[in-house]
Structures are given as C-alpha cells and as structure tokens.
Amino acid sequence: MDTILTTQNIMFAVTMIGVLFAIYRSYNTPQTKLDKDVAVADAISEKELSTKATVLQQKEADNKAELLAKQVEWEKAANTTKFADMTLRIDQAFAIAQNHINTIETEVKVQTAMINSMGNKLTELSTILNERLPMKR
C-alpha cells in the first residue's frame, strides 16, 4: 500500500473541498443577496410609503388651505356687496329725510305767515271793537 498522503492526493482533496465550497457559495450567495435586496426594498418601500403619506397629507393640507382662502374671498366679496348696498340705502334715506325736512320747513313758514296774518287781523278786529263799543266803567 502506498501512502495516502501523496502530493496528488492532497491536491485532489483540496480541489474537492474547493469545488464543494464553490457549490455552497453559488447556492448561498444568491439567497443572501436576495434576502439583502428584499430587506433594502422593504426599507425603501416603507420610506417611500411614509414619504408618500407625508406628501398626501401636505397636499390635503394645501387643498384645505386653498378652500379656506376661497371661502374667505367669497365672504369678502359678499361683505363688500352688502356694505355697498347699505351705503346706497343710507344715502337714499338721508336724501328722503332731507326732502321731508325741506317740506316741513316750507310748511312751517307758510303756517307762520298765516299766524302772523291772523294776529294782524285779530288786532285789527280788536281795534274796531274797541272803537265802536264804549267801555263800561
């Protein structure tokens, strides 16, 4: 029996161990790489989902702010219209009041003239009566 530990046998054994190790790595490396890729993809997708959720929340907040701004604009326009209408009504009321005051002043002047005229007539009648009727003492 020859010795088992020949150079040729040692090289064969090392080669077989290398082949077995290469086969193990060829099956193990893709699985490890796949696991690593899945973990990275999950982390990225979670990050993207949180980013998308944040973006959606921001868009929703922007839409709400835009709607509120439009409502404020509409209220402002409505208030402007209301104030313009009220101003017009107040101006018309003042014009009507001024017209009534002028009419009353004119009527008071006419009444004052008539009262003065009546006072003069009454004085005239009193004078006539005093002249024609003797005074009793």
C-alpha atoms as a PDB file:
ATOM      1  CA  MET A   1       0.000   0.000   0.000  1.00  0.00           C
ATOM      2  CA  ASP A   2       1.210   3.144  -0.983  1.00  0.00           C
ATOM      3  CA  THR A   3       0.871   6.080   1.183  1.00  0.00           C
ATOM      4  CA  ILE A   4      -2.252   8.045   1.015  1.00  0.00           C
ATOM      5  CA  LEU A   5      -0.614  11.357   1.579  1.00  0.00           C
ATOM      6  CA  THR A   6       0.859  11.903  -1.777  1.00  0.00           C
ATOM      7  CA  THR A   7       1.001  15.264  -3.421  1.00  0.00           C
ATOM      8  CA  GLN A   8      -1.510  14.151  -5.947  1.00  0.00           C
ATOM      9  CA  ASN A   9      -3.984  13.009  -3.307  1.00  0.00           C
ATOM     10  CA  ILE A  10      -3.602  16.208  -1.275  1.00  0.00           C
ATOM     11  CA  MET A  11      -4.213  18.286  -4.399  1.00  0.00           C
ATOM     12  CA  PHE A  12      -7.281  16.182  -5.195  1.00  0.00           C
ATOM     13  CA  ALA A  13      -8.632  16.632  -1.687  1.00  0.00           C
ATOM     14  CA  VAL A  14      -8.031  20.391  -1.733  1.00  0.00           C
ATOM     15  CA  THR A  15      -9.679  20.622  -5.158  1.00  0.00           C
ATOM     16  CA  MET A  16     -12.713  18.680  -3.959  1.00  0.00           C
ATOM     17  CA  ILE A  17     -13.031  20.900  -0.896  1.00  0.00           C
ATOM     18  CA  GLY A  18     -12.741  23.951  -3.174  1.00  0.00           C
ATOM     19  CA  VAL A  19     -15.428  22.576  -5.514  1.00  0.00           C
ATOM     20  CA  LEU A  20     -17.745  21.839  -2.594  1.00  0.00           C
ATOM     21  CA  PHE A  21     -17.122  25.310  -1.193  1.00  0.00           C
ATOM     22  CA  ALA A  22     -17.781  26.881  -4.636  1.00  0.00           C
ATOM     23  CA  ILE A  23     -21.072  24.933  -4.974  1.00  0.00           C
ATOM     24  CA  TYR A  24     -22.115  26.005  -1.463  1.00  0.00           C
ATOM     25  CA  ARG A  25     -21.318  29.642  -2.274  1.00  0.00           C
ATOM     26  CA  SER A  26     -23.169  29.504  -5.587  1.00  0.00           C
ATOM     27  CA  TYR A  27     -26.342  28.432  -3.780  1.00  0.00           C
ATOM     28  CA  ASN A  28     -25.855  30.549  -0.654  1.00  0.00           C
ATOM     29  CA  THR A  29     -24.738  33.871  -2.197  1.00  0.00           C
ATOM     30  CA  PRO A  30     -27.845  34.435  -4.388  1.00  0.00           C
ATOM     31  CA  GLN A  31     -30.107  33.631  -1.432  1.00  0.00           C
ATOM     32  CA  THR A  32     -28.191  36.028   0.822  1.00  0.00           C
ATOM     33  CA  LYS A  33     -28.195  38.654  -1.903  1.00  0.00           C
ATOM     34  CA  LEU A  34     -31.944  38.137  -2.425  1.00  0.00           C
ATOM     35  CA  ASP A  35     -32.600  38.457   1.318  1.00  0.00           C
ATOM     36  CA  LYS A  36     -30.482  41.601   1.432  1.00  0.00           C
ATOM     37  CA  ASP A  37     -32.276  43.058  -1.611  1.00  0.00           C
ATOM     38  CA  VAL A  38     -35.686  42.271  -0.099  1.00  0.00           C
ATOM     39  CA  ALA A  39     -34.695  43.928   3.177  1.00  0.00           C
ATOM     40  CA  VAL A  40     -33.415  47.004   1.320  1.00  0.00           C
ATOM     41  CA  ALA A  41     -36.561  47.080  -0.840  1.00  0.00           C
ATOM     42  CA  ASP A  42     -38.750  46.835   2.259  1.00  0.00           C
ATOM     43  CA  ALA A  43     -36.855  49.660   3.922  1.00  0.00           C
ATOM     44  CA  ILE A  44     -37.093  51.769   0.766  1.00  0.00           C
ATOM     45  CA  SER A  45     -40.770  50.985   0.280  1.00  0.00           C
ATOM     46  CA  GLU A  46     -41.522  51.876   3.914  1.00  0.00           C
ATOM     47  CA  LYS A  47     -39.597  55.092   3.468  1.00  0.00           C
ATOM     48  CA  GLU A  48     -41.388  55.779   0.171  1.00  0.00           C
ATOM     49  CA  LEU A  49     -44.746  54.998   1.765  1.00  0.00           C
ATOM     50  CA  SER A  50     -44.052  57.351   4.640  1.00  0.00           C
ATOM     51  CA  THR A  51     -42.821  59.953   2.157  1.00  0.00           C
ATOM     52  CA  LYS A  52     -45.925  59.443   0.011  1.00  0.00           C
ATOM     53  CA  ALA A  53     -48.133  59.671   3.088  1.00  0.00           C
ATOM     54  CA  THR A  54     -46.391  62.883   4.073  1.00  0.00           C
ATOM     55  CA  VAL A  55     -46.812  64.250   0.553  1.00  0.00           C
ATOM     56  CA  LEU A  56     -50.509  63.290   0.560  1.00  0.00           C
ATOM     57  CA  GLN A  57     -51.019  64.926   3.946  1.00  0.00           C
ATOM     58  CA  GLN A  58     -49.279  68.053   2.680  1.00  0.00           C
ATOM     59  CA  LYS A  59     -51.454  68.102  -0.443  1.00  0.00           C
ATOM     60  CA  GLU A  60     -54.570  67.629   1.686  1.00  0.00           C
ATOM     61  CA  ALA A  61     -53.490  70.483   3.960  1.00  0.00           C
ATOM     62  CA  ASP A  62     -52.775  72.646   0.908  1.00  0.00           C
ATOM     63  CA  ASN A  63     -56.209  71.835  -0.535  1.00  0.00           C
ATOM     64  CA  LYS A  64     -57.873  72.726   2.767  1.00  0.00           C
ATOM     65  CA  ALA A  65     -55.915  75.976   2.951  1.00  0.00           C
ATOM     66  CA  GLU A  66     -56.856  76.788  -0.638  1.00  0.00           C
ATOM     67  CA  LEU A  67     -60.531  76.080   0.074  1.00  0.00           C
ATOM     68  CA  LEU A  68     -60.435  78.279   3.169  1.00  0.00           C
ATOM     69  CA  ALA A  69     -58.770  81.055   1.172  1.00  0.00           C
ATOM     70  CA  LYS A  70     -61.510  80.828  -1.459  1.00  0.00           C
ATOM     71  CA  GLN A  71     -64.202  80.904   1.236  1.00  0.00           C
ATOM     72  CA  VAL A  72     -62.582  83.998   2.745  1.00  0.00           C
ATOM     73  CA  GLU A  73     -62.531  85.616  -0.715  1.00  0.00           C
ATOM     74  CA  TRP A  74     -66.205  84.791  -1.258  1.00  0.00           C
ATOM     75  CA  GLU A  75     -67.142  86.169   2.170  1.00  0.00           C
ATOM     76  CA  LYS A  76     -65.109  89.303   1.489  1.00  0.00           C
ATOM     77  CA  ALA A  77     -66.864  89.811  -1.856  1.00  0.00           C
ATOM     78  CA  ALA A  78     -70.267  89.199  -0.240  1.00  0.00           C
ATOM     79  CA  ASN A  79     -69.472  91.650   2.573  1.00  0.00           C
ATOM     80  CA  THR A  80     -68.298  94.258   0.077  1.00  0.00           C
ATOM     81  CA  THR A  81     -71.579  93.915  -1.816  1.00  0.00           C
ATOM     82  CA  LYS A  82     -73.597  94.131   1.420  1.00  0.00           C
ATOM     83  CA  PHE A  83     -71.733  97.245   2.561  1.00  0.00           C
ATOM     84  CA  ALA A  84     -72.215  98.867  -0.850  1.00  0.00           C
ATOM     85  CA  ASP A  85     -75.958  98.130  -0.670  1.00  0.00           C
ATOM     86  CA  MET A  86     -76.159  99.502   2.882  1.00  0.00           C
ATOM     87  CA  THR A  87     -74.305 102.654   1.860  1.00  0.00           C
ATOM     88  CA  LEU A  88     -76.717 103.180  -1.011  1.00  0.00           C
ATOM     89  CA  ARG A  89     -79.731 102.671   1.279  1.00  0.00           C
ATOM     90  CA  ILE A  90     -78.334 105.062   3.887  1.00  0.00           C
ATOM     91  CA  ASP A  91     -77.688 107.694   1.199  1.00  0.00           C
ATOM     92  CA  GLN A  92     -81.261 107.282  -0.074  1.00  0.00           C
ATOM     93  CA  ALA A  93     -82.628 107.525   3.477  1.00  0.00           C
ATOM     94  CA  PHE A  94     -80.671 110.752   4.077  1.00  0.00           C
ATOM     95  CA  ALA A  95     -81.952 112.182   0.780  1.00  0.00           C
ATOM     96  CA  ILE A  96     -85.556 111.341   1.724  1.00  0.00           C
ATOM     97  CA  ALA A  97     -85.054 112.782   5.226  1.00  0.00           C
ATOM     98  CA  GLN A  98     -83.583 115.993   3.764  1.00  0.00           C
ATOM     99  CA  ASN A  99     -86.544 116.249   1.375  1.00  0.00           C
ATOM    100  CA  HIS A 100     -89.003 115.839   4.275  1.00  0.00           C
ATOM    101  CA  ILE A 101     -87.154 118.450   6.354  1.00  0.00           C
ATOM    102  CA  ASN A 102     -87.318 120.945   3.473  1.00  0.00           C
ATOM    103  CA  THR A 103     -91.049 120.246   3.025  1.00  0.00           C
ATOM    104  CA  ILE A 104     -91.720 120.730   6.761  1.00  0.00           C
ATOM    105  CA  GLU A 105     -89.676 123.972   6.826  1.00  0.00           C
ATOM    106  CA  THR A 106     -91.711 125.294   3.911  1.00  0.00           C
ATOM    107  CA  GLU A 107     -94.982 124.359   5.619  1.00  0.00           C
ATOM    108  CA  VAL A 108     -93.835 125.949   8.906  1.00  0.00           C
ATOM    109  CA  LYS A 109     -93.013 129.185   7.021  1.00  0.00           C
ATOM    110  CA  VAL A 110     -96.483 129.171   5.447  1.00  0.00           C
ATOM    111  CA  GLN A 111     -98.091 128.483   8.852  1.00  0.00           C
ATOM    112  CA  THR A 112     -96.026 131.252  10.489  1.00  0.00           C
ATOM    113  CA  ALA A 113     -97.099 133.699   7.773  1.00  0.00           C
ATOM    114  CA  MET A 114    -100.753 132.705   8.258  1.00  0.00           C
ATOM    115  CA  ILE A 115    -100.491 133.061  12.062  1.00  0.00           C
ATOM    116  CA  ASN A 116     -98.904 136.492  11.669  1.00  0.00           C
ATOM    117  CA  SER A 117    -101.650 137.436   9.246  1.00  0.00           C
ATOM    118  CA  MET A 118    -104.294 136.170  11.661  1.00  0.00           C
ATOM    119  CA  GLY A 119    -102.639 138.058  14.517  1.00  0.00           C
ATOM    120  CA  ASN A 120    -102.763 141.248  12.468  1.00  0.00           C
ATOM    121  CA  LYS A 121    -106.436 140.636  11.626  1.00  0.00           C
ATOM    122  CA  LEU A 122    -107.209 139.944  15.286  1.00  0.00           C
ATOM    123  CA  THR A 123    -105.501 143.175  16.313  1.00  0.00           C
ATOM    124  CA  GLU A 124    -107.484 144.997  13.642  1.00  0.00           C
ATOM    125  CA  LEU A 125    -110.761 143.476  14.840  1.00  0.00           C
ATOM    126  CA  SER A 126    -109.886 144.293  18.436  1.00  0.00           C
ATOM    127  CA  THR A 127    -109.244 147.876  17.475  1.00  0.00           C
ATOM    128  CA  ILE A 128    -112.535 148.099  15.601  1.00  0.00           C
ATOM    129  CA  LEU A 129    -114.436 146.643  18.532  1.00  0.00           C
ATOM    130  CA  ASN A 130    -112.790 148.982  20.994  1.00  0.00           C
ATOM    131  CA  GLU A 131    -113.724 151.957  18.850  1.00  0.00           C
ATOM    132  CA  ARG A 132    -117.346 151.017  18.307  1.00  0.00           C
ATOM    133  CA  LEU A 133    -118.220 149.622  21.672  1.00  0.00           C
ATOM    134  CA  PRO A 134    -117.914 152.014  24.534  1.00  0.00           C
ATOM    135  CA  MET A 135    -116.104 150.854  27.530  1.00  0.00           C
ATOM    136  CA  LYS A 136    -118.135 150.493  30.644  1.00  0.00           C
ATOM    137  CA  ARG A 137    -116.668 151.777  33.724  1.00  0.00           C
END
